Amino acid sequence: MSLINAKAGQEYIIDNISTEDEEMNAFLFSLGCYSGEPIVVVSRRKGGCTVSIKDARYNIGDELAEAINVVRGN
């Protein structure tokens, strides 16, 4: 499931990043967003969402959220 469909407040595990854009991959990796890492959608807003990765919060747009595939965590 894409992160864009994830429910706010629930923990998910990043399954993979679905993009061929190397710059986007590098950016997400620099945030700590890679396979096996826990991620939480803190809140949603028009055009994006706020996520928590490794005790930090980031605002990401729908394009980035669509590229992040997750599975349900604990």
PDB file of N, CA and C in Angstrom:
ATOM      1  N   MET A   1       0.849  -1.165   0.000  1.00  0.00           N
ATOM      2  CA  MET A   1       0.000   0.000   0.000  1.00  0.00           C
ATOM      3  C   MET A   1       0.900   1.234   0.000  1.00  0.00           C
ATOM      4  N   SER A   2       0.454   2.248  -0.688  1.00  0.00           N
ATOM      5  CA  SER A   2       1.199   3.500  -0.728  1.00  0.00           C
ATOM      6  C   SER A   2       0.973   4.287   0.560  1.00  0.00           C
ATOM      7  N   LEU A   3       1.956   5.060   0.960  1.00  0.00           N
ATOM      8  CA  LEU A   3       1.847   5.871   2.171  1.00  0.00           C
ATOM      9  C   LEU A   3       0.693   6.863   2.077  1.00  0.00           C
ATOM     10  N   ILE A   4       0.342   7.241   0.882  1.00  0.00           N
ATOM     11  CA  ILE A   4      -0.753   8.196   0.708  1.00  0.00           C
ATOM     12  C   ILE A   4      -2.083   7.622   1.206  1.00  0.00           C
ATOM     13  N   ASN A   5      -2.186   6.291   1.268  1.00  0.00           N
ATOM     14  CA  ASN A   5      -3.404   5.624   1.739  1.00  0.00           C
ATOM     15  C   ASN A   5      -3.327   5.219   3.206  1.00  0.00           C
ATOM     16  N   ALA A   6      -2.211   5.474   3.856  1.00  0.00           N
ATOM     17  CA  ALA A   6      -2.019   5.079   5.257  1.00  0.00           C
ATOM     18  C   ALA A   6      -2.845   5.963   6.184  1.00  0.00           C
ATOM     19  N   LYS A   7      -3.297   5.390   7.284  1.00  0.00           N
ATOM     20  CA  LYS A   7      -4.076   6.131   8.272  1.00  0.00           C
ATOM     21  C   LYS A   7      -3.148   6.891   9.211  1.00  0.00           C
ATOM     22  N   ALA A   8      -3.552   8.095   9.557  1.00  0.00           N
ATOM     23  CA  ALA A   8      -2.782   8.911  10.496  1.00  0.00           C
ATOM     24  C   ALA A   8      -2.769   8.258  11.867  1.00  0.00           C
ATOM     25  N   GLY A   9      -1.620   8.306  12.527  1.00  0.00           N
ATOM     26  CA  GLY A   9      -1.478   7.789  13.880  1.00  0.00           C
ATOM     27  C   GLY A   9      -1.086   6.330  13.977  1.00  0.00           C
ATOM     28  N   GLN A  10      -1.039   5.612  12.867  1.00  0.00           N
ATOM     29  CA  GLN A  10      -0.653   4.202  12.886  1.00  0.00           C
ATOM     30  C   GLN A  10       0.775   4.041  12.385  1.00  0.00           C
ATOM     31  N   GLU A  11       1.465   3.062  12.973  1.00  0.00           N
ATOM     32  CA  GLU A  11       2.847   2.798  12.550  1.00  0.00           C
ATOM     33  C   GLU A  11       2.857   1.819  11.394  1.00  0.00           C
ATOM     34  N   TYR A  12       3.682   2.126  10.423  1.00  0.00           N
ATOM     35  CA  TYR A  12       3.883   1.273   9.257  1.00  0.00           C
ATOM     36  C   TYR A  12       5.370   1.010   9.095  1.00  0.00           C
ATOM     37  N   ILE A  13       5.695   0.002   8.325  1.00  0.00           N
ATOM     38  CA  ILE A  13       7.086  -0.315   7.983  1.00  0.00           C
ATOM     39  C   ILE A  13       7.249  -0.051   6.494  1.00  0.00           C
ATOM     40  N   ILE A  14       8.295   0.673   6.142  1.00  0.00           N
ATOM     41  CA  ILE A  14       8.543   0.959   4.727  1.00  0.00           C
ATOM     42  C   ILE A  14       8.943  -0.338   4.032  1.00  0.00           C
ATOM     43  N   ASP A  15       8.169  -0.699   3.016  1.00  0.00           N
ATOM     44  CA  ASP A  15       8.418  -1.920   2.257  1.00  0.00           C
ATOM     45  C   ASP A  15       9.416  -1.642   1.137  1.00  0.00           C
ATOM     46  N   ASN A  16       9.161  -0.589   0.363  1.00  0.00           N
ATOM     47  CA  ASN A  16      10.090  -0.181  -0.688  1.00  0.00           C
ATOM     48  C   ASN A  16       9.742   1.213  -1.171  1.00  0.00           C
ATOM     49  N   ILE A  17      10.619   1.762  -1.964  1.00  0.00           N
ATOM     50  CA  ILE A  17      10.425   3.074  -2.576  1.00  0.00           C
ATOM     51  C   ILE A  17      10.253   2.838  -4.070  1.00  0.00           C
ATOM     52  N   SER A  18       9.103   3.224  -4.611  1.00  0.00           N
ATOM     53  CA  SER A  18       8.796   2.981  -6.024  1.00  0.00           C
ATOM     54  C   SER A  18       9.013   4.243  -6.847  1.00  0.00           C
ATOM     55  N   THR A  19      10.249   4.488  -7.199  1.00  0.00           N
ATOM     56  CA  THR A  19      10.545   5.619  -8.075  1.00  0.00           C
ATOM     57  C   THR A  19      11.826   5.322  -8.842  1.00  0.00           C
ATOM     58  N   GLU A  20      11.877   5.844 -10.023  1.00  0.00           N
ATOM     59  CA  GLU A  20      13.080   5.707 -10.845  1.00  0.00           C
ATOM     60  C   GLU A  20      13.912   6.980 -10.773  1.00  0.00           C
ATOM     61  N   ASP A  21      13.440   7.947 -10.010  1.00  0.00           N
ATOM     62  CA  ASP A  21      14.110   9.236  -9.852  1.00  0.00           C
ATOM     63  C   ASP A  21      15.206   9.101  -8.795  1.00  0.00           C
ATOM     64  N   GLU A  22      16.441   9.062  -9.226  1.00  0.00           N
ATOM     65  CA  GLU A  22      17.564   8.878  -8.300  1.00  0.00           C
ATOM     66  C   GLU A  22      17.677  10.019  -7.291  1.00  0.00           C
ATOM     67  N   GLU A  23      17.331  11.225  -7.707  1.00  0.00           N
ATOM     68  CA  GLU A  23      17.380  12.365  -6.792  1.00  0.00           C
ATOM     69  C   GLU A  23      16.356  12.203  -5.662  1.00  0.00           C
ATOM     70  N   MET A  24      15.157  11.719  -6.011  1.00  0.00           N
ATOM     71  CA  MET A  24      14.130  11.478  -4.998  1.00  0.00           C
ATOM     72  C   MET A  24      14.569  10.357  -4.061  1.00  0.00           C
ATOM     73  N   ASN A  25      15.147   9.290  -4.616  1.00  0.00           N
ATOM     74  CA  ASN A  25      15.655   8.184  -3.793  1.00  0.00           C
ATOM     75  C   ASN A  25      16.708   8.678  -2.809  1.00  0.00           C
ATOM     76  N   ALA A  26      17.630   9.492  -3.290  1.00  0.00           N
ATOM     77  CA  ALA A  26      18.696  10.010  -2.428  1.00  0.00           C
ATOM     78  C   ALA A  26      18.126  10.917  -1.342  1.00  0.00           C
ATOM     79  N   PHE A  27      17.148  11.740  -1.694  1.00  0.00           N
ATOM     80  CA  PHE A  27      16.522  12.628  -0.721  1.00  0.00           C
ATOM     81  C   PHE A  27      15.823  11.824   0.372  1.00  0.00           C
ATOM     82  N   LEU A  28      15.037  10.837  -0.021  1.00  0.00           N
ATOM     83  CA  LEU A  28      14.329  10.011   0.964  1.00  0.00           C
ATOM     84  C   LEU A  28      15.310   9.247   1.847  1.00  0.00           C
ATOM     85  N   PHE A  29      16.380   8.732   1.259  1.00  0.00           N
ATOM     86  CA  PHE A  29      17.391   8.018   2.044  1.00  0.00           C
ATOM     87  C   PHE A  29      18.035   8.945   3.064  1.00  0.00           C
ATOM     88  N   SER A  30      18.265  10.205   2.680  1.00  0.00           N
ATOM     89  CA  SER A  30      18.882  11.161   3.615  1.00  0.00           C
ATOM     90  C   SER A  30      17.968  11.470   4.797  1.00  0.00           C
ATOM     91  N   LEU A  31      16.660  11.287   4.620  1.00  0.00           N
ATOM     92  CA  LEU A  31      15.707  11.477   5.716  1.00  0.00           C
ATOM     93  C   LEU A  31      15.611  10.238   6.613  1.00  0.00           C
ATOM     94  N   GLY A  32      16.220   9.138   6.179  1.00  0.00           N
ATOM     95  CA  GLY A  32      16.107   7.885   6.923  1.00  0.00           C
ATOM     96  C   GLY A  32      14.945   7.042   6.440  1.00  0.00           C
ATOM     97  N   CYS A  33      14.466   7.353   5.255  1.00  0.00           N
ATOM     98  CA  CYS A  33      13.312   6.673   4.673  1.00  0.00           C
ATOM     99  C   CYS A  33      13.799   5.597   3.708  1.00  0.00           C
ATOM    100  N   TYR A  34      13.879   4.352   4.204  1.00  0.00           N
ATOM    101  CA  TYR A  34      14.314   3.233   3.384  1.00  0.00           C
ATOM    102  C   TYR A  34      13.674   1.951   3.902  1.00  0.00           C
ATOM    103  N   SER A  35      13.768   0.895   3.148  1.00  0.00           N
ATOM    104  CA  SER A  35      13.109  -0.373   3.469  1.00  0.00           C
ATOM    105  C   SER A  35      13.431  -0.845   4.886  1.00  0.00           C
ATOM    106  N   GLY A  36      12.381  -1.278   5.579  1.00  0.00           N
ATOM    107  CA  GLY A  36      12.529  -1.814   6.925  1.00  0.00           C
ATOM    108  C   GLY A  36      12.404  -0.781   8.029  1.00  0.00           C
ATOM    109  N   GLU A  37      12.358   0.492   7.681  1.00  0.00           N
ATOM    110  CA  GLU A  37      12.300   1.568   8.673  1.00  0.00           C
ATOM    111  C   GLU A  37      10.845   1.876   9.048  1.00  0.00           C
ATOM    112  N   PRO A  38      10.556   2.045  10.346  1.00  0.00           N
ATOM    113  CA  PRO A  38       9.202   2.432  10.757  1.00  0.00           C
ATOM    114  C   PRO A  38       8.888   3.872  10.356  1.00  0.00           C
ATOM    115  N   ILE A  39       7.630   4.116  10.025  1.00  0.00           N
ATOM    116  CA  ILE A  39       7.170   5.447   9.644  1.00  0.00           C
ATOM    117  C   ILE A  39       5.746   5.632  10.151  1.00  0.00           C
ATOM    118  N   VAL A  40       5.420   6.824  10.606  1.00  0.00           N
ATOM    119  CA  VAL A  40       4.079   7.141  11.096  1.00  0.00           C
ATOM    120  C   VAL A  40       3.585   8.390  10.382  1.00  0.00           C
ATOM    121  N   VAL A  41       2.362   8.330   9.858  1.00  0.00           N
ATOM    122  CA  VAL A  41       1.726   9.538   9.319  1.00  0.00           C
ATOM    123  C   VAL A  41       1.151  10.275  10.520  1.00  0.00           C
ATOM    124  N   VAL A  42       1.705  11.438  10.821  1.00  0.00           N
ATOM    125  CA  VAL A  42       1.271  12.221  11.976  1.00  0.00           C
ATOM    126  C   VAL A  42      -0.027  12.953  11.659  1.00  0.00           C
ATOM    127  N   SER A  43      -0.077  13.568  10.477  1.00  0.00           N
ATOM    128  CA  SER A  43      -1.286  14.285  10.077  1.00  0.00           C
ATOM    129  C   SER A  43      -1.325  14.397   8.561  1.00  0.00           C
ATOM    130  N   ARG A  44      -2.511  14.682   8.066  1.00  0.00           N
ATOM    131  CA  ARG A  44      -2.701  14.880   6.629  1.00  0.00           C
ATOM    132  C   ARG A  44      -3.111  16.318   6.373  1.00  0.00           C
ATOM    133  N   ARG A  45      -2.730  16.803   5.226  1.00  0.00           N
ATOM    134  CA  ARG A  45      -3.159  18.126   4.800  1.00  0.00           C
ATOM    135  C   ARG A  45      -3.324  18.082   3.294  1.00  0.00           C
ATOM    136  N   LYS A  46      -3.962  19.086   2.749  1.00  0.00           N
ATOM    137  CA  LYS A  46      -4.164  19.118   1.306  1.00  0.00           C
ATOM    138  C   LYS A  46      -2.814  19.164   0.610  1.00  0.00           C
ATOM    139  N   GLY A  47      -2.581  18.199  -0.259  1.00  0.00           N
ATOM    140  CA  GLY A  47      -1.349  18.174  -1.025  1.00  0.00           C
ATOM    141  C   GLY A  47      -0.188  17.457  -0.367  1.00  0.00           C
ATOM    142  N   GLY A  48      -0.395  16.849   0.815  1.00  0.00           N
ATOM    143  CA  GLY A  48       0.697  16.126   1.457  1.00  0.00           C
ATOM    144  C   GLY A  48       0.362  15.658   2.849  1.00  0.00           C
ATOM    145  N   CYS A  49       1.405  15.322   3.592  1.00  0.00           N
ATOM    146  CA  CYS A  49       1.223  14.857   4.962  1.00  0.00           C
ATOM    147  C   CYS A  49       2.494  15.110   5.770  1.00  0.00           C
ATOM    148  N   THR A  50       2.338  15.016   7.077  1.00  0.00           N
ATOM    149  CA  THR A  50       3.475  15.102   7.994  1.00  0.00           C
ATOM    150  C   THR A  50       3.758  13.693   8.473  1.00  0.00           C
ATOM    151  N   VAL A  51       5.014  13.274   8.368  1.00  0.00           N
ATOM    152  CA  VAL A  51       5.397  11.930   8.785  1.00  0.00           C
ATOM    153  C   VAL A  51       6.487  11.994   9.848  1.00  0.00           C
ATOM    154  N   SER A  52       6.552  10.955  10.636  1.00  0.00           N
ATOM    155  CA  SER A  52       7.592  10.820  11.645  1.00  0.00           C
ATOM    156  C   SER A  52       8.483   9.643  11.251  1.00  0.00           C
ATOM    157  N   ILE A  53       9.774   9.948  11.082  1.00  0.00           N
ATOM    158  CA  ILE A  53      10.776   8.941  10.748  1.00  0.00           C
ATOM    159  C   ILE A  53      11.952   9.160  11.679  1.00  0.00           C
ATOM    160  N   LYS A  54      12.347   8.142  12.408  1.00  0.00           N
ATOM    161  CA  LYS A  54      13.515   8.235  13.305  1.00  0.00           C
ATOM    162  C   LYS A  54      13.443   9.444  14.234  1.00  0.00           C
ATOM    163  N   ASP A  55      12.337   9.616  14.924  1.00  0.00           N
ATOM    164  CA  ASP A  55      12.140  10.693  15.907  1.00  0.00           C
ATOM    165  C   ASP A  55      12.221  12.097  15.309  1.00  0.00           C
ATOM    166  N   ALA A  56      12.041  12.228  14.008  1.00  0.00           N
ATOM    167  CA  ALA A  56      12.002  13.539  13.356  1.00  0.00           C
ATOM    168  C   ALA A  56      10.713  13.618  12.542  1.00  0.00           C
ATOM    169  N   ARG A  57      10.220  14.824  12.356  1.00  0.00           N
ATOM    170  CA  ARG A  57       8.998  15.027  11.575  1.00  0.00           C
ATOM    171  C   ARG A  57       9.323  15.781  10.296  1.00  0.00           C
ATOM    172  N   TYR A  58       8.673  15.341   9.225  1.00  0.00           N
ATOM    173  CA  TYR A  58       8.887  15.954   7.913  1.00  0.00           C
ATOM    174  C   TYR A  58       7.547  16.160   7.222  1.00  0.00           C
ATOM    175  N   ASN A  59       7.422  17.236   6.497  1.00  0.00           N
ATOM    176  CA  ASN A  59       6.273  17.459   5.631  1.00  0.00           C
ATOM    177  C   ASN A  59       6.661  16.967   4.249  1.00  0.00           C
ATOM    178  N   ILE A  60       5.876  16.049   3.713  1.00  0.00           N
ATOM    179  CA  ILE A  60       6.153  15.544   2.373  1.00  0.00           C
ATOM    180  C   ILE A  60       4.921  15.729   1.501  1.00  0.00           C
ATOM    181  N   GLY A  61       5.154  15.939   0.230  1.00  0.00           N
ATOM    182  CA  GLY A  61       4.077  16.116  -0.722  1.00  0.00           C
ATOM    183  C   GLY A  61       3.487  14.789  -1.159  1.00  0.00           C
ATOM    184  N   ASP A  62       2.371  14.871  -1.856  1.00  0.00           N
ATOM    185  CA  ASP A  62       1.690  13.666  -2.332  1.00  0.00           C
ATOM    186  C   ASP A  62       2.562  12.833  -3.271  1.00  0.00           C
ATOM    187  N   GLU A  63       3.399  13.490  -4.069  1.00  0.00           N
ATOM    188  CA  GLU A  63       4.261  12.747  -5.004  1.00  0.00           C
ATOM    189  C   GLU A  63       5.236  11.841  -4.239  1.00  0.00           C
ATOM    190  N   LEU A  64       5.841  12.377  -3.185  1.00  0.00           N
ATOM    191  CA  LEU A  64       6.742  11.559  -2.363  1.00  0.00           C
ATOM    192  C   LEU A  64       5.963  10.468  -1.628  1.00  0.00           C
ATOM    193  N   ALA A  65       4.817  10.822  -1.066  1.00  0.00           N
ATOM    194  CA  ALA A  65       4.010   9.851  -0.326  1.00  0.00           C
ATOM    195  C   ALA A  65       3.562   8.708  -1.230  1.00  0.00           C
ATOM    196  N   GLU A  66       3.264   9.012  -2.476  1.00  0.00           N
ATOM    197  CA  GLU A  66       2.833   7.992  -3.430  1.00  0.00           C
ATOM    198  C   GLU A  66       3.965   7.007  -3.736  1.00  0.00           C
ATOM    199  N   ALA A  67       5.210   7.452  -3.668  1.00  0.00           N
ATOM    200  CA  ALA A  67       6.365   6.614  -3.998  1.00  0.00           C
ATOM    201  C   ALA A  67       6.770   5.682  -2.854  1.00  0.00           C
ATOM    202  N   ILE A  68       6.286   5.950  -1.649  1.00  0.00           N
ATOM    203  CA  ILE A  68       6.675   5.156  -0.477  1.00  0.00           C
ATOM    204  C   ILE A  68       5.631   4.072  -0.227  1.00  0.00           C
ATOM    205  N   ASN A  69       6.043   2.822  -0.380  1.00  0.00           N
ATOM    206  CA  ASN A  69       5.147   1.690  -0.148  1.00  0.00           C
ATOM    207  C   ASN A  69       5.394   1.146   1.255  1.00  0.00           C
ATOM    208  N   VAL A  70       4.307   0.905   1.976  1.00  0.00           N
ATOM    209  CA  VAL A  70       4.403   0.477   3.366  1.00  0.00           C
ATOM    210  C   VAL A  70       3.551  -0.760   3.625  1.00  0.00           C
ATOM    211  N   VAL A  71       3.885  -1.441   4.721  1.00  0.00           N
ATOM    212  CA  VAL A  71       3.056  -2.521   5.254  1.00  0.00           C
ATOM    213  C   VAL A  71       2.737  -2.171   6.695  1.00  0.00           C
ATOM    214  N   ARG A  72       1.676  -2.724   7.194  1.00  0.00           N
ATOM    215  CA  ARG A  72       1.236  -2.418   8.564  1.00  0.00           C
ATOM    216  C   ARG A  72       2.277  -2.880   9.575  1.00  0.00           C
ATOM    217  N   GLY A  73       2.641  -1.993  10.500  1.00  0.00           N
ATOM    218  CA  GLY A  73       3.607  -2.314  11.546  1.00  0.00           C
ATOM    219  C   GLY A  73       2.913  -2.865  12.768  1.00  0.00           C
ATOM    220  N   ASN A  74       3.559  -2.750  13.912  1.00  0.00           N
ATOM    221  CA  ASN A  74       2.995  -3.274  15.162  1.00  0.00           C
ATOM    222  C   ASN A  74       1.818  -2.497  15.528  1.00  0.00           C
TER     223      ASN A  74
END
